[in-house]
N, C-alpha and C. Protein backbone atom coordinates (compact mmCIF):
# COMPACT_ATOMS: atom_id res chain seq x y z
N UNK A 1 101.64 134.95 -91.59
CA UNK A 1 101.16 136.58 -91.13
C UNK A 1 100.26 136.13 -90.00
N UNK A 2 99.95 135.26 -89.32
CA UNK A 2 99.14 135.59 -88.13
C UNK A 2 100.22 135.42 -86.87
N UNK A 3 101.20 135.33 -87.35
CA UNK A 3 102.29 134.87 -86.17
C UNK A 3 102.97 136.59 -85.75
N UNK A 4 102.79 137.41 -86.96
CA UNK A 4 103.24 138.68 -86.75
C UNK A 4 102.18 139.39 -85.82
N UNK A 5 100.59 139.51 -86.00
CA UNK A 5 99.75 139.89 -85.34
C UNK A 5 99.45 139.59 -83.82
N UNK A 6 99.98 138.04 -83.36
CA UNK A 6 99.92 137.64 -82.18
C UNK A 6 101.29 138.23 -81.42
N UNK A 7 102.26 138.14 -81.90
CA UNK A 7 103.71 139.06 -81.86
C UNK A 7 103.09 140.32 -81.49
N UNK A 8 102.45 140.77 -82.23
CA UNK A 8 102.49 142.76 -81.81
C UNK A 8 101.40 142.71 -80.77
N UNK A 9 100.46 141.91 -80.61
CA UNK A 9 99.38 141.84 -79.54
C UNK A 9 99.90 141.60 -78.02
N UNK A 10 100.89 140.72 -78.18
CA UNK A 10 101.95 140.60 -76.74
C UNK A 10 102.77 141.32 -76.45
N UNK A 11 103.37 142.38 -77.37
CA UNK A 11 104.51 143.24 -76.87
C UNK A 11 103.24 144.42 -76.33
N UNK A 12 101.98 144.74 -77.36
CA UNK A 12 101.15 145.85 -76.46
C UNK A 12 100.60 145.37 -75.03
N UNK A 13 100.50 143.87 -75.06
CA UNK A 13 99.84 143.78 -73.38
C UNK A 13 101.15 143.88 -72.37
N UNK A 14 102.33 143.69 -72.88
CA UNK A 14 103.51 143.94 -71.69
C UNK A 14 103.51 145.62 -71.49
N UNK A 15 103.76 146.08 -72.46
CA UNK A 15 103.56 147.85 -72.36
C UNK A 15 102.04 148.14 -71.86
N UNK A 16 101.10 148.21 -71.83
CA UNK A 16 99.98 148.39 -70.89
C UNK A 16 100.04 147.46 -69.28
N UNK A 17 100.32 146.61 -69.50
CA UNK A 17 101.24 146.23 -68.06
C UNK A 17 102.08 147.36 -66.90
N UNK A 18 102.90 147.05 -67.90
CA UNK A 18 104.20 147.82 -67.20
C UNK A 18 103.51 149.36 -66.85
N UNK A 19 102.89 149.92 -67.62
CA UNK A 19 102.24 151.36 -67.60
C UNK A 19 100.78 151.47 -66.56
N UNK A 20 100.43 150.50 -66.12
CA UNK A 20 99.52 150.52 -65.03
C UNK A 20 100.24 150.07 -63.61
N UNK A 21 101.49 149.32 -64.04
CA UNK A 21 102.37 149.02 -62.76
C UNK A 21 103.33 150.29 -61.89
N UNK A 22 102.99 151.27 -62.39
CA UNK A 22 104.15 152.48 -61.74
C UNK A 22 103.90 153.10 -60.78
N UNK A 23 102.33 152.70 -60.20
CA UNK A 23 101.87 153.07 -59.22
C UNK A 23 101.62 154.84 -59.14
N UNK A 24 100.89 155.55 -58.09
CA UNK A 24 100.31 156.47 -58.43
C UNK A 24 101.22 157.68 -58.49
N UNK A 25 100.77 158.86 -59.56
CA UNK A 25 101.47 159.81 -59.53
C UNK A 25 101.87 160.86 -58.45
N UNK A 26 102.60 161.10 -58.32
CA UNK A 26 103.02 161.82 -57.33
C UNK A 26 102.11 163.00 -57.17
N UNK A 27 101.87 164.33 -55.93
CA UNK A 27 100.98 164.77 -55.60
C UNK A 27 101.83 165.97 -56.39
N UNK A 28 100.78 166.99 -56.72
CA UNK A 28 101.19 168.39 -57.62
C UNK A 28 101.59 169.35 -56.64
N UNK A 29 102.42 170.18 -56.92
CA UNK A 29 102.67 171.37 -56.29
C UNK A 29 102.44 172.89 -56.63
N UNK A 30 101.96 173.43 -55.53
CA UNK A 30 101.53 174.87 -55.95
C UNK A 30 102.30 176.26 -55.23
N UNK A 31 103.29 176.37 -56.03
CA UNK A 31 104.14 177.66 -55.41
C UNK A 31 104.89 177.06 -54.22
N UNK A 32 105.44 175.56 -53.82
CA UNK A 32 106.30 175.02 -53.15
C UNK A 32 105.25 174.08 -52.03
N UNK A 33 103.96 174.62 -52.18
CA UNK A 33 103.11 173.99 -51.24
C UNK A 33 102.88 172.43 -51.80
N UNK A 34 102.45 171.55 -51.14
CA UNK A 34 102.01 170.13 -51.73
C UNK A 34 100.72 170.46 -52.08
N UNK A 35 99.82 169.65 -52.87
CA UNK A 35 98.27 169.67 -53.12
C UNK A 35 98.35 167.82 -52.84
N UNK A 36 98.05 167.66 -51.55
CA UNK A 36 97.54 166.11 -51.35
C UNK A 36 96.47 165.66 -51.96
N UNK A 37 96.20 164.74 -52.35
CA UNK A 37 95.61 163.95 -53.69
C UNK A 37 95.40 162.53 -53.02
N UNK A 38 94.23 162.42 -53.00
CA UNK A 38 93.40 160.63 -52.45
C UNK A 38 94.17 160.20 -53.54
N UNK A 39 94.67 158.54 -53.29
CA UNK A 39 95.09 158.04 -54.47
C UNK A 39 93.91 156.84 -54.92
N UNK A 40 92.96 156.87 -54.09
CA UNK A 40 91.87 156.04 -54.42
C UNK A 40 90.67 156.55 -54.91
N UNK A 41 90.52 156.43 -56.31
CA UNK A 41 89.09 157.02 -56.94
C UNK A 41 87.75 156.16 -56.21
N UNK A 42 86.85 157.04 -57.00
CA UNK A 42 85.41 156.06 -56.49
C UNK A 42 84.77 157.16 -57.01
N UNK A 43 83.33 156.86 -56.60
CA UNK A 43 82.23 157.54 -56.80
C UNK A 43 81.31 158.08 -55.58
N UNK A 44 81.36 157.43 -54.42
CA UNK A 44 80.47 157.98 -53.31
C UNK A 44 81.62 158.99 -52.56
N UNK A 45 80.43 159.27 -52.00
CA UNK A 45 81.21 160.60 -51.22
C UNK A 45 80.10 161.04 -49.90
N UNK A 46 80.37 162.32 -48.94
CA UNK A 46 79.70 162.53 -48.35
C UNK A 46 79.15 163.97 -48.56
N UNK A 47 78.02 164.41 -47.48
CA UNK A 47 77.18 164.99 -47.60
C UNK A 47 77.72 166.68 -47.18
N UNK A 48 78.54 166.95 -46.59
CA UNK A 48 78.95 168.14 -45.55
C UNK A 48 79.17 169.12 -47.23
N UNK A 49 79.03 170.63 -46.53
CA UNK A 49 79.88 171.24 -47.50
C UNK A 49 80.97 172.36 -47.30
N UNK A 50 82.14 171.77 -47.95
CA UNK A 50 83.81 172.21 -47.60
C UNK A 50 83.91 173.55 -48.02
N UNK A 51 84.26 174.42 -47.49
CA UNK A 51 85.02 175.63 -48.06
C UNK A 51 85.55 176.51 -46.77
N UNK A 52 86.52 177.51 -47.66
CA UNK A 52 86.99 178.56 -47.16
C UNK A 52 88.30 179.19 -47.99
N UNK A 53 89.26 179.61 -47.38
CA UNK A 53 90.07 180.63 -47.88
C UNK A 53 91.37 179.61 -47.89
N UNK A 54 91.71 179.21 -49.53
CA UNK A 54 92.95 178.00 -49.52
C UNK A 54 94.15 179.30 -49.43
N UNK A 55 95.03 178.81 -48.55
CA UNK A 55 96.58 179.07 -47.90
C UNK A 55 97.44 177.71 -47.62
N UNK A 56 98.44 178.19 -46.99
CA UNK A 56 99.33 177.30 -46.42
C UNK A 56 98.81 176.93 -45.11
N UNK A 57 99.16 175.27 -45.34
CA UNK A 57 98.84 174.72 -43.53
C UNK A 57 100.20 173.62 -43.65
N UNK A 58 101.23 174.24 -43.18
CA UNK A 58 102.31 173.50 -42.97
C UNK A 58 102.80 173.87 -44.36
N UNK A 59 103.41 172.65 -44.99
CA UNK A 59 103.67 172.55 -46.52
C UNK A 59 102.95 172.43 -47.49
N UNK A 60 101.68 172.24 -47.14
CA UNK A 60 100.47 171.69 -48.03
C UNK A 60 99.67 172.94 -48.27
N UNK A 61 98.72 172.60 -49.64
CA UNK A 61 97.41 173.53 -49.53
C UNK A 61 96.06 173.26 -48.42
N UNK A 62 95.76 174.30 -48.04
CA UNK A 62 94.64 173.88 -47.06
C UNK A 62 93.69 174.99 -46.71
N UNK A 63 92.36 174.96 -46.15
CA UNK A 63 91.90 175.89 -45.73
C UNK A 63 92.42 176.91 -44.08
N UNK A 64 92.38 177.79 -44.72
CA UNK A 64 93.15 178.67 -43.36
C UNK A 64 92.02 178.86 -42.61
N UNK A 65 92.42 179.21 -41.38
CA UNK A 65 91.53 179.70 -40.30
C UNK A 65 91.35 181.05 -40.23
N UNK A 66 90.00 181.61 -40.28
CA UNK A 66 89.83 183.36 -40.11
C UNK A 66 90.48 183.74 -39.07
N UNK A 67 90.92 183.35 -38.26
CA UNK A 67 91.00 183.70 -37.23
C UNK A 67 92.60 183.75 -36.83
N UNK A 68 93.12 183.05 -37.84
CA UNK A 68 94.54 183.17 -38.02
C UNK A 68 95.10 181.83 -37.15
N UNK A 69 94.41 180.72 -36.49
CA UNK A 69 94.90 179.86 -36.05
C UNK A 69 95.20 178.87 -36.60
N UNK A 70 95.29 177.42 -36.44
CA UNK A 70 95.70 176.39 -37.35
C UNK A 70 94.56 176.06 -38.41
N UNK A 71 94.92 176.04 -39.74
CA UNK A 71 93.65 175.79 -40.57
C UNK A 71 93.77 174.22 -41.03
N UNK A 72 92.84 173.62 -41.79
CA UNK A 72 92.71 172.29 -41.90
C UNK A 72 93.11 172.03 -43.51
N UNK A 73 93.72 170.67 -43.55
CA UNK A 73 94.45 170.43 -44.77
C UNK A 73 93.42 169.81 -45.78
N UNK A 74 93.37 170.12 -46.86
CA UNK A 74 92.44 169.81 -47.63
C UNK A 74 93.09 168.34 -48.57
N UNK A 75 92.20 167.44 -48.66
CA UNK A 75 92.10 165.82 -49.83
C UNK A 75 91.84 165.96 -51.31
N UNK A 76 92.50 166.52 -51.99
CA UNK A 76 92.09 166.82 -53.56
C UNK A 76 91.50 165.64 -54.28
N UNK A 77 90.69 165.22 -54.94
CA UNK A 77 90.20 163.96 -55.38
C UNK A 77 91.30 163.70 -56.64
N UNK A 78 91.35 162.40 -56.44
CA UNK A 78 92.25 161.63 -57.79
C UNK A 78 92.26 162.40 -59.07
N UNK A 79 93.07 162.17 -59.67
CA UNK A 79 93.10 163.25 -60.88
C UNK A 79 93.50 164.90 -60.81
N UNK A 80 93.45 165.31 -59.58
CA UNK A 80 93.66 167.17 -59.41
C UNK A 80 94.96 167.18 -60.05
N UNK A 81 95.18 168.49 -60.65
CA UNK A 81 96.27 168.95 -61.14
C UNK A 81 96.21 170.43 -61.29
N UNK A 82 98.32 170.85 -60.93
CA UNK A 82 97.80 172.35 -60.86
C UNK A 82 98.34 172.60 -62.09
N UNK A 83 97.87 173.80 -62.64
CA UNK A 83 98.18 174.23 -64.09
C UNK A 83 97.96 175.98 -63.93
N UNK A 84 98.89 176.54 -64.62
CA UNK A 84 99.01 177.99 -64.14
C UNK A 84 98.37 178.51 -62.83
N UNK A 85 99.42 178.15 -62.10
CA UNK A 85 99.31 178.74 -60.69
C UNK A 85 97.35 178.34 -60.36
N UNK A 86 96.94 177.49 -60.95
CA UNK A 86 95.40 177.06 -60.03
C UNK A 86 95.70 175.40 -60.04
N UNK A 87 94.88 175.20 -59.21
CA UNK A 87 94.40 173.99 -58.69
C UNK A 87 92.90 173.55 -59.44
N UNK A 88 92.87 172.41 -60.25
CA UNK A 88 92.15 172.56 -60.89
C UNK A 88 91.60 170.50 -60.48
N UNK A 89 90.23 170.36 -60.61
CA UNK A 89 89.86 168.76 -60.26
C UNK A 89 89.11 168.42 -61.10
N UNK A 90 89.20 167.19 -61.25
CA UNK A 90 88.04 166.42 -62.48
C UNK A 90 86.91 166.92 -62.35
N UNK A 91 86.40 167.39 -61.50
CA UNK A 91 84.61 167.72 -61.42
C UNK A 91 84.74 168.95 -61.68
N UNK A 92 86.06 170.23 -62.25
CA UNK A 92 85.30 171.69 -62.73
C UNK A 92 86.00 172.33 -61.70
N UNK A 93 86.30 172.17 -59.92
CA UNK A 93 86.90 173.08 -59.44
C UNK A 93 87.79 173.72 -59.96
N UNK A 94 88.53 175.10 -59.88
CA UNK A 94 89.36 175.82 -60.18
C UNK A 94 89.76 176.93 -59.61
N UNK A 95 90.78 176.62 -58.64
CA UNK A 95 91.10 177.81 -57.54
C UNK A 95 92.27 178.14 -57.10
N UNK A 96 92.77 179.07 -57.12
CA UNK A 96 93.77 180.02 -56.13
C UNK A 96 94.26 180.13 -55.08
N UNK A 97 95.57 179.98 -54.78
CA UNK A 97 95.58 180.36 -53.35
C UNK A 97 95.27 181.69 -53.00
N UNK A 98 94.54 182.02 -52.14
CA UNK A 98 94.02 182.86 -51.63
C UNK A 98 92.33 183.36 -51.65
N UNK A 99 92.02 182.52 -52.71
CA UNK A 99 90.58 182.67 -52.96
C UNK A 99 89.52 181.19 -52.34
N UNK A 100 88.53 181.86 -52.38
CA UNK A 100 87.57 181.13 -51.41
C UNK A 100 87.44 179.60 -52.35
N UNK A 101 87.29 178.77 -51.70
CA UNK A 101 87.01 177.26 -52.22
C UNK A 101 85.58 176.91 -51.73
N UNK A 102 84.56 176.35 -52.45
CA UNK A 102 83.73 175.48 -52.02
C UNK A 102 83.46 173.93 -52.89
N UNK A 103 82.68 173.20 -51.79
CA UNK A 103 83.00 171.69 -52.63
C UNK A 103 82.26 170.36 -51.88
N UNK A 104 81.83 169.76 -52.10
CA UNK A 104 81.03 168.61 -50.90
C UNK A 104 82.32 167.63 -50.91
N UNK A 105 82.19 167.33 -49.35
CA UNK A 105 82.72 165.56 -49.07
C UNK A 105 82.32 166.22 -47.57
N UNK A 106 83.75 165.96 -46.82
CA UNK A 106 83.58 165.10 -45.54
C UNK A 106 84.97 165.74 -44.98
N UNK A 107 84.62 166.05 -43.41
CA UNK A 107 85.86 166.43 -42.92
C UNK A 107 86.06 165.50 -41.58
N UNK A 108 87.59 165.03 -41.73
CA UNK A 108 87.66 163.94 -40.82
C UNK A 108 89.16 164.01 -40.08
N UNK A 109 89.50 163.52 -39.05
CA UNK A 109 90.31 163.57 -38.31
C UNK A 109 91.50 162.89 -39.50
N UNK A 110 92.85 163.55 -38.55
CA UNK A 110 93.68 163.16 -40.10
C UNK A 110 94.35 161.50 -39.60
N UNK A 111 93.64 161.17 -38.82
CA UNK A 111 94.20 159.52 -38.14
C UNK A 111 93.09 158.85 -38.64
N UNK A 112 92.05 159.16 -39.34
CA UNK A 112 90.76 158.55 -39.89
C UNK A 112 91.08 157.77 -41.26
N UNK A 113 91.98 157.23 -41.61
CA UNK A 113 92.57 156.89 -42.59
C UNK A 113 91.33 156.31 -43.77
N UNK A 114 90.35 155.51 -43.32
CA UNK A 114 89.45 155.05 -43.84
C UNK A 114 88.71 155.67 -44.81
N UNK A 115 88.53 156.87 -44.02
CA UNK A 115 87.69 157.75 -44.87
C UNK A 115 88.94 158.85 -46.13
N UNK A 116 90.07 158.69 -45.82
CA UNK A 116 91.30 159.51 -46.41
C UNK A 116 91.09 158.83 -47.82
N UNK A 117 90.86 157.85 -48.14
CA UNK A 117 90.75 157.11 -49.45
C UNK A 117 92.67 157.12 -49.57
N UNK A 118 93.32 156.69 -49.04
CA UNK A 118 94.83 156.56 -49.00
C UNK A 118 95.49 157.98 -49.08
N UNK A 119 95.28 158.66 -49.21
CA UNK A 119 95.94 159.88 -48.87
C UNK A 119 97.12 159.88 -48.03
N UNK A 120 98.37 160.37 -48.66
CA UNK A 120 99.12 160.44 -47.52
C UNK A 120 99.54 161.98 -47.41
N UNK A 121 99.64 162.09 -45.48
CA UNK A 121 99.34 163.41 -45.52
C UNK A 121 100.80 163.74 -44.48
N UNK A 122 101.61 164.43 -44.99
CA UNK A 122 102.86 164.80 -44.77
C UNK A 122 102.95 165.21 -43.05
N UNK A 123 103.73 165.00 -42.33
CA UNK A 123 104.07 165.28 -41.17
C UNK A 123 104.09 166.71 -40.97
N UNK A 124 104.61 167.62 -41.67
CA UNK A 124 104.42 169.05 -41.25
C UNK A 124 103.09 169.46 -41.64
N UNK A 125 102.52 168.59 -42.32
CA UNK A 125 100.87 169.31 -42.72
C UNK A 125 100.23 169.42 -41.50
N UNK A 126 100.30 167.79 -41.16
CA UNK A 126 99.40 167.08 -40.00
C UNK A 126 99.35 168.47 -38.47
N UNK A 127 100.83 168.67 -38.49
CA UNK A 127 101.39 169.18 -36.76
C UNK A 127 101.09 170.52 -37.24
N UNK A 128 100.98 170.84 -38.55
CA UNK A 128 100.46 173.02 -38.33
C UNK A 128 99.07 172.84 -38.35
N UNK A 129 98.24 171.59 -38.75
CA UNK A 129 96.72 171.68 -38.31
C UNK A 129 96.40 171.83 -36.60
N UNK A 130 97.19 171.65 -35.87
CA UNK A 130 96.99 171.36 -34.33
C UNK A 130 96.47 170.34 -33.99
N UNK A 131 96.07 170.34 -32.64
CA UNK A 131 95.07 169.01 -31.86
C UNK A 131 93.25 169.25 -32.57
N UNK A 132 93.35 170.15 -33.09
CA UNK A 132 92.06 170.23 -33.47
C UNK A 132 91.49 170.07 -34.87
N UNK A 133 92.92 170.49 -35.49
CA UNK A 133 92.39 170.26 -37.07
C UNK A 133 92.20 168.92 -38.03
N UNK A 134 91.49 169.28 -38.30
CA UNK A 134 90.74 168.06 -39.72
C UNK A 134 91.12 168.26 -41.04
N UNK A 135 91.23 167.14 -41.83
CA UNK A 135 91.30 166.98 -43.15
C UNK A 135 90.07 166.83 -43.80
N UNK A 136 89.97 167.92 -44.78
CA UNK A 136 88.48 167.98 -45.59
C UNK A 136 88.80 167.34 -46.77
N UNK A 137 88.12 166.49 -46.77
CA UNK A 137 88.32 165.57 -47.93
C UNK A 137 87.12 165.81 -48.95
N UNK A 138 87.41 165.85 -50.50
CA UNK A 138 86.57 166.84 -51.32
C UNK A 138 86.08 165.17 -51.68
N UNK A 139 84.74 165.13 -52.40
CA UNK A 139 84.20 164.22 -53.07
C UNK A 139 84.58 163.75 -54.14
N UNK A 140 84.88 162.49 -54.93
CA UNK A 140 85.65 162.07 -56.07
C UNK A 140 84.94 163.08 -57.08
N UNK A 141 83.39 163.43 -57.37
CA UNK A 141 83.20 164.02 -58.45
C UNK A 141 83.21 165.57 -58.40
N UNK A 142 83.91 166.26 -57.24
CA UNK A 142 84.35 167.53 -57.26
C UNK A 142 85.25 168.21 -58.26
């Protein structure tokens, strides 16, 4: 009887390791726009208040400029999902395209990968930000 229990534990261990080794989930999509997410979690953050109107920045969801100029890309916390046309973060932000979004985080150049927590930024989105665009990185608890 002891062998059966050990065999079952061995199988469970293999299944768990296989499930954990599949890499990060793909970024969600909202109305054909990519919702860029950070692939590394964490508990630390930055002190800036980020916000603006959500809209298209290239092929991604970002903060559109009020004057119609290039906007800023948003890097959402790991675990952010899209449900019923709404972006929902693990910390409770729920927002739709065209609505105002506010949250804590920091604003960084798209080349500052140390602060972007391994978010993969699509070229089309980075190009749409223009030379002065930045990435609004929401804190993990947002």
